[in-house]
Amino acid sequence: MGKNFSKNVEDFDCLKCGFHVIGTGYTDHCPKCLYSMHVDINPGDRECACRGLMKPVKVSLGRSGTFTIYYVCEKCGISKRVKASDMDDKERLFLIAEGSKIT
């Protein structure tokens, strides 16, 4: 199976902080706390049975000025990375980028 993207427009309540997220079809994490949920094998497919919380553990800033969020699943331990959204909490992105521990 290839890594083709499947666009899914879904609203959801964040399982970490409870924030109600309005999905765009590209939304894969909470813009408030930055946590995600381990639901995809390939981007957007929703075929992963794990359903664990994905904790943001690192943020890097690319040359183009875009952030990348690195995740570790708290249930199975898999690591993934995604591009940050313009809607994401910038203060939280910077805190993680600086190495601050978050909960």
PDB file of N, CA and C in Angstrom:
ATOM      1  N   MET A   1       0.849  -1.191   0.000  1.00  0.00           N
ATOM      2  CA  MET A   1       0.000   0.000   0.000  1.00  0.00           C
ATOM      3  C   MET A   1       0.884   1.240   0.000  1.00  0.00           C
ATOM      4  N   GLY A   2       0.596   2.199  -0.858  1.00  0.00           N
ATOM      5  CA  GLY A   2       1.365   3.434  -0.941  1.00  0.00           C
ATOM      6  C   GLY A   2       0.992   4.415   0.142  1.00  0.00           C
ATOM      7  N   LYS A   3       1.737   5.492   0.207  1.00  0.00           N
ATOM      8  CA  LYS A   3       1.474   6.521   1.207  1.00  0.00           C
ATOM      9  C   LYS A   3       0.640   7.638   0.610  1.00  0.00           C
ATOM     10  N   ASN A   4      -0.416   7.285  -0.079  1.00  0.00           N
ATOM     11  CA  ASN A   4      -1.311   8.275  -0.660  1.00  0.00           C
ATOM     12  C   ASN A   4      -2.129   8.935   0.435  1.00  0.00           C
ATOM     13  N   PHE A   5      -2.357  10.222   0.301  1.00  0.00           N
ATOM     14  CA  PHE A   5      -3.128  10.981   1.271  1.00  0.00           C
ATOM     15  C   PHE A   5      -4.617  10.832   0.990  1.00  0.00           C
ATOM     16  N   SER A   6      -5.382  10.581   2.044  1.00  0.00           N
ATOM     17  CA  SER A   6      -6.843  10.525   1.948  1.00  0.00           C
ATOM     18  C   SER A   6      -7.410  11.700   2.724  1.00  0.00           C
ATOM     19  N   LYS A   7      -8.060  12.619   2.037  1.00  0.00           N
ATOM     20  CA  LYS A   7      -8.629  13.802   2.682  1.00  0.00           C
ATOM     21  C   LYS A   7      -9.933  13.424   3.392  1.00  0.00           C
ATOM     22  N   ASN A   8      -9.992  13.702   4.702  1.00  0.00           N
ATOM     23  CA  ASN A   8     -11.180  13.442   5.513  1.00  0.00           C
ATOM     24  C   ASN A   8     -11.538  14.709   6.278  1.00  0.00           C
ATOM     25  N   VAL A   9     -12.679  15.293   5.991  1.00  0.00           N
ATOM     26  CA  VAL A   9     -13.132  16.473   6.728  1.00  0.00           C
ATOM     27  C   VAL A   9     -13.879  15.976   7.957  1.00  0.00           C
ATOM     28  N   GLU A  10     -13.245  16.121   9.118  1.00  0.00           N
ATOM     29  CA  GLU A  10     -13.813  15.616  10.366  1.00  0.00           C
ATOM     30  C   GLU A  10     -13.619  16.637  11.478  1.00  0.00           C
ATOM     31  N   ASP A  11     -14.683  16.911  12.226  1.00  0.00           N
ATOM     32  CA  ASP A  11     -14.583  17.682  13.460  1.00  0.00           C
ATOM     33  C   ASP A  11     -14.360  16.671  14.581  1.00  0.00           C
ATOM     34  N   PHE A  12     -13.659  17.086  15.648  1.00  0.00           N
ATOM     35  CA  PHE A  12     -13.451  16.174  16.772  1.00  0.00           C
ATOM     36  C   PHE A  12     -13.183  16.962  18.048  1.00  0.00           C
ATOM     37  N   ASP A  13     -13.415  16.303  19.170  1.00  0.00           N
ATOM     38  CA  ASP A  13     -13.059  16.851  20.473  1.00  0.00           C
ATOM     39  C   ASP A  13     -11.734  16.225  20.867  1.00  0.00           C
ATOM     40  N   CYS A  14     -10.748  17.064  21.196  1.00  0.00           N
ATOM     41  CA  CYS A  14      -9.428  16.579  21.567  1.00  0.00           C
ATOM     42  C   CYS A  14      -9.538  15.699  22.809  1.00  0.00           C
ATOM     43  N   LEU A  15      -8.944  14.514  22.748  1.00  0.00           N
ATOM     44  CA  LEU A  15      -8.980  13.597  23.887  1.00  0.00           C
ATOM     45  C   LEU A  15      -8.030  14.014  25.002  1.00  0.00           C
ATOM     46  N   LYS A  16      -7.121  14.923  24.720  1.00  0.00           N
ATOM     47  CA  LYS A  16      -6.183  15.398  25.745  1.00  0.00           C
ATOM     48  C   LYS A  16      -6.741  16.610  26.499  1.00  0.00           C
ATOM     49  N   CYS A  17      -7.176  17.652  25.760  1.00  0.00           N
ATOM     50  CA  CYS A  17      -7.586  18.897  26.426  1.00  0.00           C
ATOM     51  C   CYS A  17      -9.069  19.208  26.284  1.00  0.00           C
ATOM     52  N   GLY A  18      -9.793  18.464  25.435  1.00  0.00           N
ATOM     53  CA  GLY A  18     -11.227  18.669  25.271  1.00  0.00           C
ATOM     54  C   GLY A  18     -11.625  19.752  24.286  1.00  0.00           C
ATOM     55  N   PHE A  19     -10.663  20.422  23.678  1.00  0.00           N
ATOM     56  CA  PHE A  19     -10.950  21.491  22.725  1.00  0.00           C
ATOM     57  C   PHE A  19     -11.718  20.931  21.525  1.00  0.00           C
ATOM     58  N   HIS A  20     -12.761  21.635  21.076  1.00  0.00           N
ATOM     59  CA  HIS A  20     -13.521  21.202  19.899  1.00  0.00           C
ATOM     60  C   HIS A  20     -12.819  21.716  18.652  1.00  0.00           C
ATOM     61  N   VAL A  21     -12.354  20.803  17.823  1.00  0.00           N
ATOM     62  CA  VAL A  21     -11.576  21.128  16.633  1.00  0.00           C
ATOM     63  C   VAL A  21     -12.478  21.024  15.406  1.00  0.00           C
ATOM     64  N   ILE A  22     -12.491  22.092  14.610  1.00  0.00           N
ATOM     65  CA  ILE A  22     -13.215  22.095  13.345  1.00  0.00           C
ATOM     66  C   ILE A  22     -12.239  21.635  12.269  1.00  0.00           C
ATOM     67  N   GLY A  23     -12.499  20.484  11.683  1.00  0.00           N
ATOM     68  CA  GLY A  23     -11.590  19.902  10.707  1.00  0.00           C
ATOM     69  C   GLY A  23     -11.684  20.563   9.340  1.00  0.00           C
ATOM     70  N   THR A  24     -10.581  20.494   8.602  1.00  0.00           N
ATOM     71  CA  THR A  24     -10.517  21.059   7.252  1.00  0.00           C
ATOM     72  C   THR A  24     -10.281  19.994   6.194  1.00  0.00           C
ATOM     73  N   GLY A  25     -10.067  18.773   6.629  1.00  0.00           N
ATOM     74  CA  GLY A  25      -9.670  17.716   5.710  1.00  0.00           C
ATOM     75  C   GLY A  25      -8.179  17.462   5.778  1.00  0.00           C
ATOM     76  N   TYR A  26      -7.464  18.402   6.362  1.00  0.00           N
ATOM     77  CA  TYR A  26      -6.021  18.265   6.566  1.00  0.00           C
ATOM     78  C   TYR A  26      -5.687  18.299   8.049  1.00  0.00           C
ATOM     79  N   THR A  27      -6.694  18.446   8.900  1.00  0.00           N
ATOM     80  CA  THR A  27      -6.498  18.562  10.344  1.00  0.00           C
ATOM     81  C   THR A  27      -6.137  17.196  10.915  1.00  0.00           C
ATOM     82  N   ASP A  28      -4.980  17.107  11.572  1.00  0.00           N
ATOM     83  CA  ASP A  28      -4.582  15.825  12.148  1.00  0.00           C
ATOM     84  C   ASP A  28      -4.153  15.936  13.608  1.00  0.00           C
ATOM     85  N   HIS A  29      -4.331  17.133  14.191  1.00  0.00           N
ATOM     86  CA  HIS A  29      -3.993  17.305  15.597  1.00  0.00           C
ATOM     87  C   HIS A  29      -4.746  18.506  16.158  1.00  0.00           C
ATOM     88  N   CYS A  30      -4.749  18.613  17.480  1.00  0.00           N
ATOM     89  CA  CYS A  30      -5.421  19.718  18.157  1.00  0.00           C
ATOM     90  C   CYS A  30      -4.552  20.978  18.069  1.00  0.00           C
ATOM     91  N   PRO A  31      -5.092  22.085  17.579  1.00  0.00           N
ATOM     92  CA  PRO A  31      -4.290  23.304  17.462  1.00  0.00           C
ATOM     93  C   PRO A  31      -4.017  23.972  18.810  1.00  0.00           C
ATOM     94  N   LYS A  32      -4.734  23.569  19.849  1.00  0.00           N
ATOM     95  CA  LYS A  32      -4.559  24.169  21.172  1.00  0.00           C
ATOM     96  C   LYS A  32      -3.423  23.484  21.957  1.00  0.00           C
ATOM     97  N   CYS A  33      -3.509  22.151  22.119  1.00  0.00           N
ATOM     98  CA  CYS A  33      -2.496  21.438  22.913  1.00  0.00           C
ATOM     99  C   CYS A  33      -1.490  20.688  22.046  1.00  0.00           C
ATOM    100  N   LEU A  34      -1.766  20.578  20.744  1.00  0.00           N
ATOM    101  CA  LEU A  34      -0.933  19.942  19.729  1.00  0.00           C
ATOM    102  C   LEU A  34      -0.927  18.418  19.776  1.00  0.00           C
ATOM    103  N   TYR A  35      -1.675  17.805  20.690  1.00  0.00           N
ATOM    104  CA  TYR A  35      -1.765  16.344  20.726  1.00  0.00           C
ATOM    105  C   TYR A  35      -2.533  15.848  19.516  1.00  0.00           C
ATOM    106  N   SER A  36      -2.274  14.607  19.147  1.00  0.00           N
ATOM    107  CA  SER A  36      -2.946  13.962  18.044  1.00  0.00           C
ATOM    108  C   SER A  36      -3.435  12.599  18.518  1.00  0.00           C
ATOM    109  N   MET A  37      -4.026  11.845  17.616  1.00  0.00           N
ATOM    110  CA  MET A  37      -4.467  10.499  17.932  1.00  0.00           C
ATOM    111  C   MET A  37      -3.936   9.567  16.851  1.00  0.00           C
ATOM    112  N   HIS A  38      -3.433   8.413  17.253  1.00  0.00           N
ATOM    113  CA  HIS A  38      -2.839   7.455  16.329  1.00  0.00           C
ATOM    114  C   HIS A  38      -3.956   6.693  15.623  1.00  0.00           C
ATOM    115  N   VAL A  39      -4.415   7.241  14.493  1.00  0.00           N
ATOM    116  CA  VAL A  39      -5.539   6.659  13.753  1.00  0.00           C
ATOM    117  C   VAL A  39      -5.177   6.240  12.330  1.00  0.00           C
ATOM    118  N   ASP A  40      -4.042   6.685  11.808  1.00  0.00           N
ATOM    119  CA  ASP A  40      -3.689   6.426  10.414  1.00  0.00           C
ATOM    120  C   ASP A  40      -2.484   5.498  10.287  1.00  0.00           C
ATOM    121  N   ILE A  41      -2.549   4.636   9.273  1.00  0.00           N
ATOM    122  CA  ILE A  41      -1.370   3.904   8.837  1.00  0.00           C
ATOM    123  C   ILE A  41      -0.687   4.761   7.771  1.00  0.00           C
ATOM    124  N   ASN A  42      -1.466   5.178   6.779  1.00  0.00           N
ATOM    125  CA  ASN A  42      -1.031   6.153   5.783  1.00  0.00           C
ATOM    126  C   ASN A  42      -1.883   7.399   5.990  1.00  0.00           C
ATOM    127  N   PRO A  43      -1.341   8.581   5.721  1.00  0.00           N
ATOM    128  CA  PRO A  43      -2.052   9.824   6.033  1.00  0.00           C
ATOM    129  C   PRO A  43      -3.510   9.860   5.576  1.00  0.00           C
ATOM    130  N   GLY A  44      -4.410  10.003   6.541  1.00  0.00           N
ATOM    131  CA  GLY A  44      -5.827  10.159   6.262  1.00  0.00           C
ATOM    132  C   GLY A  44      -6.621   8.882   6.107  1.00  0.00           C
ATOM    133  N   ASP A  45      -5.988   7.706   6.186  1.00  0.00           N
ATOM    134  CA  ASP A  45      -6.731   6.472   5.912  1.00  0.00           C
ATOM    135  C   ASP A  45      -7.579   5.970   7.088  1.00  0.00           C
ATOM    136  N   ARG A  46      -7.296   6.396   8.296  1.00  0.00           N
ATOM    137  CA  ARG A  46      -8.031   6.013   9.515  1.00  0.00           C
ATOM    138  C   ARG A  46      -8.078   4.496   9.716  1.00  0.00           C
ATOM    139  N   GLU A  47      -7.032   3.781   9.265  1.00  0.00           N
ATOM    140  CA  GLU A  47      -7.007   2.323   9.334  1.00  0.00           C
ATOM    141  C   GLU A  47      -6.202   1.763  10.503  1.00  0.00           C
ATOM    142  N   CYS A  48      -5.622   2.595  11.345  1.00  0.00           N
ATOM    143  CA  CYS A  48      -4.832   2.098  12.457  1.00  0.00           C
ATOM    144  C   CYS A  48      -5.743   1.787  13.648  1.00  0.00           C
ATOM    145  N   ALA A  49      -5.610   0.613  14.202  1.00  0.00           N
ATOM    146  CA  ALA A  49      -6.446   0.184  15.329  1.00  0.00           C
ATOM    147  C   ALA A  49      -5.922   0.689  16.673  1.00  0.00           C
ATOM    148  N   CYS A  50      -4.726   1.238  16.735  1.00  0.00           N
ATOM    149  CA  CYS A  50      -4.106   1.639  17.994  1.00  0.00           C
ATOM    150  C   CYS A  50      -4.960   2.634  18.779  1.00  0.00           C
ATOM    151  N   ARG A  51      -5.267   3.769  18.178  1.00  0.00           N
ATOM    152  CA  ARG A  51      -6.069   4.837  18.769  1.00  0.00           C
ATOM    153  C   ARG A  51      -5.439   5.468  20.022  1.00  0.00           C
ATOM    154  N   GLY A  52      -4.116   5.328  20.166  1.00  0.00           N
ATOM    155  CA  GLY A  52      -3.424   5.944  21.295  1.00  0.00           C
ATOM    156  C   GLY A  52      -3.220   7.436  21.082  1.00  0.00           C
ATOM    157  N   LEU A  53      -2.966   8.164  22.168  1.00  0.00           N
ATOM    158  CA  LEU A  53      -2.651   9.586  22.060  1.00  0.00           C
ATOM    159  C   LEU A  53      -1.227   9.755  21.561  1.00  0.00           C
ATOM    160  N   MET A  54      -1.064  10.674  20.612  1.00  0.00           N
ATOM    161  CA  MET A  54       0.247  11.000  20.075  1.00  0.00           C
ATOM    162  C   MET A  54       0.738  12.270  20.764  1.00  0.00           C
ATOM    163  N   LYS A  55       1.785  12.131  21.560  1.00  0.00           N
ATOM    164  CA  LYS A  55       2.327  13.267  22.314  1.00  0.00           C
ATOM    165  C   LYS A  55       3.346  14.026  21.468  1.00  0.00           C
ATOM    166  N   PRO A  56       3.192  15.366  21.380  1.00  0.00           N
ATOM    167  CA  PRO A  56       4.209  16.156  20.672  1.00  0.00           C
ATOM    168  C   PRO A  56       5.469  16.234  21.534  1.00  0.00           C
ATOM    169  N   VAL A  57       6.576  15.705  21.025  1.00  0.00           N
ATOM    170  CA  VAL A  57       7.798  15.625  21.824  1.00  0.00           C
ATOM    171  C   VAL A  57       8.904  16.548  21.324  1.00  0.00           C
ATOM    172  N   LYS A  58       8.771  17.029  20.090  1.00  0.00           N
ATOM    173  CA  LYS A  58       9.804  17.883  19.511  1.00  0.00           C
ATOM    174  C   LYS A  58       9.162  18.737  18.426  1.00  0.00           C
ATOM    175  N   VAL A  59       9.663  19.939  18.275  1.00  0.00           N
ATOM    176  CA  VAL A  59       9.240  20.822  17.188  1.00  0.00           C
ATOM    177  C   VAL A  59      10.499  21.402  16.562  1.00  0.00           C
ATOM    178  N   SER A  60      10.551  21.372  15.242  1.00  0.00           N
ATOM    179  CA  SER A  60      11.685  21.990  14.558  1.00  0.00           C
ATOM    180  C   SER A  60      11.166  23.059  13.608  1.00  0.00           C
ATOM    181  N   LEU A  61      12.008  24.039  13.363  1.00  0.00           N
ATOM    182  CA  LEU A  61      11.674  25.128  12.452  1.00  0.00           C
ATOM    183  C   LEU A  61      12.535  24.981  11.214  1.00  0.00           C
ATOM    184  N   GLY A  62      11.876  24.825  10.062  1.00  0.00           N
ATOM    185  CA  GLY A  62      12.590  24.641   8.809  1.00  0.00           C
ATOM    186  C   GLY A  62      13.088  25.949   8.225  1.00  0.00           C
ATOM    187  N   ARG A  63      13.907  25.855   7.217  1.00  0.00           N
ATOM    188  CA  ARG A  63      14.465  27.039   6.554  1.00  0.00           C
ATOM    189  C   ARG A  63      13.386  27.939   5.971  1.00  0.00           C
ATOM    190  N   SER A  64      12.287  27.337   5.564  1.00  0.00           N
ATOM    191  CA  SER A  64      11.200  28.115   4.971  1.00  0.00           C
ATOM    192  C   SER A  64      10.308  28.773   6.025  1.00  0.00           C
ATOM    193  N   GLY A  65      10.644  28.572   7.301  1.00  0.00           N
ATOM    194  CA  GLY A  65       9.868  29.180   8.379  1.00  0.00           C
ATOM    195  C   GLY A  65       8.679  28.343   8.833  1.00  0.00           C
ATOM    196  N   THR A  66       8.589  27.103   8.360  1.00  0.00           N
ATOM    197  CA  THR A  66       7.491  26.234   8.767  1.00  0.00           C
ATOM    198  C   THR A  66       7.939  25.306   9.899  1.00  0.00           C
ATOM    199  N   PHE A  67       7.009  25.020  10.783  1.00  0.00           N
ATOM    200  CA  PHE A  67       7.272  24.122  11.896  1.00  0.00           C
ATOM    201  C   PHE A  67       6.925  22.685  11.520  1.00  0.00           C
ATOM    202  N   THR A  68       7.680  21.747  12.052  1.00  0.00           N
ATOM    203  CA  THR A  68       7.361  20.327  11.975  1.00  0.00           C
ATOM    204  C   THR A  68       7.214  19.831  13.404  1.00  0.00           C
ATOM    205  N   ILE A  69       6.125  19.093  13.662  1.00  0.00           N
ATOM    206  CA  ILE A  69       5.869  18.527  14.982  1.00  0.00           C
ATOM    207  C   ILE A  69       6.195  17.041  14.926  1.00  0.00           C
ATOM    208  N   TYR A  70       6.990  16.587  15.887  1.00  0.00           N
ATOM    209  CA  TYR A  70       7.359  15.174  16.001  1.00  0.00           C
ATOM    210  C   TYR A  70       6.566  14.563  17.148  1.00  0.00           C
ATOM    211  N   TYR A  71       5.989  13.394  16.894  1.00  0.00           N
ATOM    212  CA  TYR A  71       5.107  12.735  17.856  1.00  0.00           C
ATOM    213  C   TYR A  71       5.626  11.364  18.249  1.00  0.00           C
ATOM    214  N   VAL A  72       5.241  10.925  19.450  1.00  0.00           N
ATOM    215  CA  VAL A  72       5.417   9.545  19.893  1.00  0.00           C
ATOM    216  C   VAL A  72       4.081   9.095  20.463  1.00  0.00           C
ATOM    217  N   CYS A  73       3.616   7.936  20.007  1.00  0.00           N
ATOM    218  CA  CYS A  73       2.356   7.386  20.500  1.00  0.00           C
ATOM    219  C   CYS A  73       2.556   6.888  21.925  1.00  0.00           C
ATOM    220  N   GLU A  74       1.703   7.352  22.834  1.00  0.00           N
ATOM    221  CA  GLU A  74       1.809   6.952  24.235  1.00  0.00           C
ATOM    222  C   GLU A  74       1.356   5.508  24.468  1.00  0.00           C
ATOM    223  N   LYS A  75       0.708   4.911  23.484  1.00  0.00           N
ATOM    224  CA  LYS A  75       0.220   3.539  23.621  1.00  0.00           C
ATOM    225  C   LYS A  75       1.179   2.512  23.001  1.00  0.00           C
ATOM    226  N   CYS A  76       1.566   2.736  21.737  1.00  0.00           N
ATOM    227  CA  CYS A  76       2.392   1.733  21.040  1.00  0.00           C
ATOM    228  C   CYS A  76       3.837   2.178  20.801  1.00  0.00           C
ATOM    229  N   GLY A  77       4.132   3.463  20.989  1.00  0.00           N
ATOM    230  CA  GLY A  77       5.502   3.953  20.862  1.00  0.00           C
ATOM    231  C   GLY A  77       5.945   4.366  19.472  1.00  0.00           C
ATOM    232  N   ILE A  78       5.071   4.257  18.462  1.00  0.00           N
ATOM    233  CA  ILE A  78       5.462   4.650  17.109  1.00  0.00           C
ATOM    234  C   ILE A  78       5.742   6.159  17.051  1.00  0.00           C
ATOM    235  N   SER A  79       6.684   6.544  16.200  1.00  0.00           N
ATOM    236  CA  SER A  79       7.024   7.955  16.002  1.00  0.00           C
ATOM    237  C   SER A  79       6.516   8.410  14.641  1.00  0.00           C
ATOM    238  N   LYS A  80       5.995   9.628  14.599  1.00  0.00           N
ATOM    239  CA  LYS A  80       5.539  10.229  13.345  1.00  0.00           C
ATOM    240  C   LYS A  80       5.847  11.719  13.384  1.00  0.00           C
ATOM    241  N   ARG A  81       5.766  12.357  12.232  1.00  0.00           N
ATOM    242  CA  ARG A  81       5.942  13.807  12.174  1.00  0.00           C
ATOM    243  C   ARG A  81       4.928  14.383  11.202  1.00  0.00           C
ATOM    244  N   VAL A  82       4.523  15.623  11.477  1.00  0.00           N
ATOM    245  CA  VAL A  82       3.574  16.322  10.609  1.00  0.00           C
ATOM    246  C   VAL A  82       3.962  17.791  10.549  1.00  0.00           C
ATOM    247  N   LYS A  83       3.508  18.454   9.510  1.00  0.00           N
ATOM    248  CA  LYS A  83       3.684  19.900   9.423  1.00  0.00           C
ATOM    249  C   LYS A  83       2.698  20.561  10.370  1.00  0.00           C
ATOM    250  N   ALA A  84       3.157  21.607  11.028  1.00  0.00           N
ATOM    251  CA  ALA A  84       2.269  22.380  11.885  1.00  0.00           C
ATOM    252  C   ALA A  84       1.301  23.176  11.018  1.00  0.00           C
ATOM    253  N   SER A  85       0.180  23.510  11.601  1.00  0.00           N
ATOM    254  CA  SER A  85      -0.843  24.293  10.918  1.00  0.00           C
ATOM    255  C   SER A  85      -0.710  25.759  11.301  1.00  0.00           C
ATOM    256  N   ASP A  86      -1.188  26.645  10.441  1.00  0.00           N
ATOM    257  CA  ASP A  86      -1.223  28.072  10.772  1.00  0.00           C
ATOM    258  C   ASP A  86      -2.113  28.340  11.977  1.00  0.00           C
ATOM    259  N   MET A  87      -3.035  27.421  12.259  1.00  0.00           N
ATOM    260  CA  MET A  87      -3.969  27.571  13.383  1.00  0.00           C
ATOM    261  C   MET A  87      -3.356  27.144  14.715  1.00  0.00           C
ATOM    262  N   ASP A  88      -2.194  26.503  14.705  1.00  0.00           N
ATOM    263  CA  ASP A  88      -1.590  25.970  15.925  1.00  0.00           C
ATOM    264  C   ASP A  88      -1.139  27.059  16.878  1.00  0.00           C
ATOM    265  N   ASP A  89      -1.217  26.754  18.155  1.00  0.00           N
ATOM    266  CA  ASP A  89      -0.806  27.657  19.228  1.00  0.00           C
ATOM    267  C   ASP A  89       0.706  27.894  19.116  1.00  0.00           C
ATOM    268  N   LYS A  90       1.080  29.091  18.687  1.00  0.00           N
ATOM    269  CA  LYS A  90       2.501  29.409  18.435  1.00  0.00           C
ATOM    270  C   LYS A  90       3.323  29.358  19.720  1.00  0.00           C
ATOM    271  N   GLU A  91       2.748  29.805  20.827  1.00  0.00           N
ATOM    272  CA  GLU A  91       3.474  29.766  22.099  1.00  0.00           C
ATOM    273  C   GLU A  91       3.819  28.326  22.475  1.00  0.00           C
ATOM    274  N   ARG A  92       2.878  27.432  22.283  1.00  0.00           N
ATOM    275  CA  ARG A  92       3.117  26.024  22.595  1.00  0.00           C
ATOM    276  C   ARG A  92       4.168  25.432  21.650  1.00  0.00           C
ATOM    277  N   LEU A  93       4.106  25.791  20.370  1.00  0.00           N
ATOM    278  CA  LEU A  93       5.129  25.336  19.426  1.00  0.00           C
ATOM    279  C   LEU A  93       6.522  25.774  19.873  1.00  0.00           C
ATOM    280  N   PHE A  94       6.654  27.042  20.276  1.00  0.00           N
ATOM    281  CA  PHE A  94       7.953  27.553  20.714  1.00  0.00           C
ATOM    282  C   PHE A  94       8.416  26.882  22.004  1.00  0.00           C
ATOM    283  N   LEU A  95       7.495  26.622  22.938  1.00  0.00           N
ATOM    284  CA  LEU A  95       7.862  25.943  24.186  1.00  0.00           C
ATOM    285  C   LEU A  95       8.437  24.569  23.907  1.00  0.00           C
ATOM    286  N   ILE A  96       7.789  23.827  23.027  1.00  0.00           N
ATOM    287  CA  ILE A  96       8.289  22.493  22.687  1.00  0.00           C
ATOM    288  C   ILE A  96       9.603  22.602  21.939  1.00  0.00           C
ATOM    289  N   ALA A  97       9.716  23.559  21.028  1.00  0.00           N
ATOM    290  CA  ALA A  97      10.948  23.757  20.263  1.00  0.00           C
ATOM    291  C   ALA A  97      12.114  24.070  21.178  1.00  0.00           C
ATOM    292  N   GLU A  98      11.856  24.783  22.267  1.00  0.00           N
ATOM    293  CA  GLU A  98      12.897  25.137  23.234  1.00  0.00           C
ATOM    294  C   GLU A  98      13.257  23.981  24.151  1.00  0.00           C
ATOM    295  N   GLY A  99      12.508  22.886  24.053  1.00  0.00           N
ATOM    296  CA  GLY A  99      12.796  21.731  24.887  1.00  0.00           C
ATOM    297  C   GLY A  99      12.043  21.701  26.199  1.00  0.00           C
ATOM    298  N   SER A 100      11.059  22.587  26.364  1.00  0.00           N
ATOM    299  CA  SER A 100      10.259  22.588  27.578  1.00  0.00           C
ATOM    300  C   SER A 100       9.416  21.324  27.654  1.00  0.00           C
ATOM    301  N   LYS A 101       9.292  20.760  28.830  1.00  0.00           N
ATOM    302  CA  LYS A 101       8.454  19.575  29.013  1.00  0.00           C
ATOM    303  C   LYS A 101       7.002  20.016  29.059  1.00  0.00           C
ATOM    304  N   ILE A 102       6.152  19.318  28.327  1.00  0.00           N
ATOM    305  CA  ILE A 102       4.729  19.636  28.335  1.00  0.00           C
ATOM    306  C   ILE A 102       3.945  18.433  28.820  1.00  0.00           C
ATOM    307  N   THR A 103       2.732  18.703  29.260  1.00  0.00           N
ATOM    308  CA  THR A 103       1.859  17.609  29.720  1.00  0.00           C
ATOM    309  C   THR A 103       0.574  17.650  28.963  1.00  0.00           C
TER     310      THR A 103
END
